[in-house]
Protein backbone atom coordinates (compact mmCIF):
# COMPACT_ATOMS: atom_id res chain seq x y z
CA UNK A 1 -0.03 -0.09 -0.21
CA UNK A 2 1.30 3.27 -0.95
CA UNK A 3 1.30 6.24 1.61
CA UNK A 4 -1.80 8.25 1.40
CA UNK A 5 -1.30 11.58 -0.22
CA UNK A 6 -0.99 13.92 2.77
CA UNK A 7 -0.13 17.02 0.83
CA UNK A 8 -2.06 18.85 -1.63
CA UNK A 9 0.90 19.90 -3.67
CA UNK A 10 3.23 17.13 -4.70
CA UNK A 11 5.80 16.88 -1.96
CA UNK A 12 9.08 14.70 -2.09
CA UNK A 13 9.67 13.68 1.46
CA UNK A 14 13.56 13.48 1.56
CA UNK A 15 14.92 10.59 3.52
CA UNK A 16 18.39 10.08 5.32
CA UNK A 17 20.61 9.26 2.47
CA UNK A 18 23.49 6.86 2.00
CA UNK A 19 25.86 10.24 2.65
CA UNK A 20 24.29 10.35 6.17
CA UNK A 21 26.90 9.31 8.55
CA UNK A 22 25.92 7.36 11.88
CA UNK A 23 25.76 8.11 14.61
CA UNK A 24 23.68 11.08 13.35
CA UNK A 25 23.33 14.31 15.31
CA UNK A 26 21.46 17.10 14.08
CA UNK A 27 23.13 20.30 13.82
CA UNK A 28 22.19 23.15 16.14
CA UNK A 29 19.77 24.75 13.62
CA UNK A 30 17.78 21.47 13.07
CA UNK A 31 17.53 20.83 16.74
CA UNK A 32 16.40 24.27 17.40
CA UNK A 33 13.93 24.02 14.74
CA UNK A 34 12.64 20.77 15.87
CA UNK A 35 12.53 21.60 19.41
CA UNK A 36 10.94 24.93 19.20
CA UNK A 37 7.77 23.66 16.81
CA UNK A 38 6.79 20.12 17.89
CA UNK A 39 4.49 21.34 20.71
CA UNK A 40 2.41 22.85 17.99
CA UNK A 41 1.62 19.49 16.42
CA UNK A 42 -1.94 18.30 17.22
CA UNK A 43 -4.05 15.22 16.44
CA UNK A 44 -6.19 15.12 13.13
CA UNK A 45 -3.57 17.38 11.44
CA UNK A 46 -3.10 16.48 7.69
CA UNK A 47 0.59 16.29 6.25
CA UNK A 48 0.49 19.96 4.84
CA UNK A 49 -0.19 21.30 8.22
CA UNK A 50 2.52 19.07 9.65
CA UNK A 51 5.07 20.19 7.01
CA UNK A 52 4.07 23.78 7.51
CA UNK A 53 5.28 23.46 11.31
CA UNK A 54 7.96 20.91 11.14
CA UNK A 55 9.26 20.92 7.56
CA UNK A 56 10.69 17.63 5.87
CA UNK A 57 10.91 14.86 8.17
CA UNK A 58 14.31 12.80 8.23
CA UNK A 59 12.44 9.57 7.61
CA UNK A 60 9.14 8.07 6.74
CA UNK A 61 8.05 4.63 7.57
CA UNK A 62 5.24 2.40 7.00
CA UNK A 63 3.38 1.03 10.16
CA UNK A 64 2.24 -2.47 10.00
CA UNK A 65 3.44 -6.00 10.07
CA UNK A 66 5.54 -7.38 7.39
CA UNK A 67 3.09 -8.81 4.72
CA UNK A 68 0.06 -7.25 6.62
CA UNK A 69 -2.12 -4.34 5.95
CA UNK A 70 -0.75 -0.92 6.34
CA UNK A 71 -1.93 0.55 9.65
CA UNK A 72 -0.48 4.01 9.29
CA UNK A 73 2.81 6.05 8.39
CA UNK A 74 5.55 7.63 10.84
CA UNK A 75 7.28 10.72 10.01
CA UNK A 76 10.50 10.99 12.20
CA UNK A 77 12.44 14.19 13.02
CA UNK A 78 15.64 13.12 14.53
CA UNK A 79 17.79 14.98 17.12
CA UNK A 80 19.97 11.82 17.29
CA UNK A 81 20.24 8.44 15.84
CA UNK A 82 22.72 5.52 16.61
CA UNK A 83 22.17 3.40 13.44
CA UNK A 84 20.30 3.86 10.14
CA UNK A 85 17.75 0.82 10.36
CA UNK A 86 16.87 -0.08 13.70
CA UNK A 87 15.95 2.17 16.83
CA UNK A 88 18.34 2.29 19.60
CA UNK A 89 17.31 3.27 23.29
CA UNK A 90 19.59 6.37 22.93
CA UNK A 91 17.94 7.85 19.85
CA UNK A 92 16.24 11.22 20.33
CA UNK A 93 13.17 12.10 18.39
CA UNK A 94 9.68 13.41 17.45
CA UNK A 95 7.69 10.97 15.54
CA UNK A 96 4.35 11.93 14.00
CA UNK A 97 1.98 8.94 13.52
CA UNK A 98 -0.46 9.09 10.78
CA UNK A 99 -3.52 6.94 10.22
CA UNK A 100 -4.30 5.36 6.82
CA UNK A 101 -6.31 8.42 5.82
CA UNK A 102 -3.19 10.64 6.34
CA UNK A 103 -4.14 12.15 9.69
CA UNK A 104 -2.14 12.62 12.57
CA UNK A 105 -3.23 9.92 15.13
CA UNK A 106 -0.39 10.23 17.75
CA UNK A 107 2.63 12.38 18.41
CA UNK A 108 5.61 10.50 20.10
CA UNK A 109 8.58 12.47 21.54
CA UNK A 110 11.80 11.22 23.12
CA UNK A 111 13.78 14.36 23.41
CA UNK A 112 15.41 13.79 26.81
């Protein structure tokens, strides 16, 4: 299942690239941007509203069991991340969880 269109305009959601080195730490400008804006996020927002507040996510991920139905999508904004593919206990982030209709269902923060 493709991620639902969450923006009225075509938006290319950039991902961490092969050039990203790990462990990753966001630069001071990116950290300030994430920390000063995430509290404005609210449930039921659409992707355009999230993009207007937070800007591009560092990573987008399908939520659901492998081979099973898609239950939603996560947009992650990392302050730090240890390794590229698996979450680590020391990662710091804001994760915006969308339902299958492209609406914010939950906002998870691990910033301390």
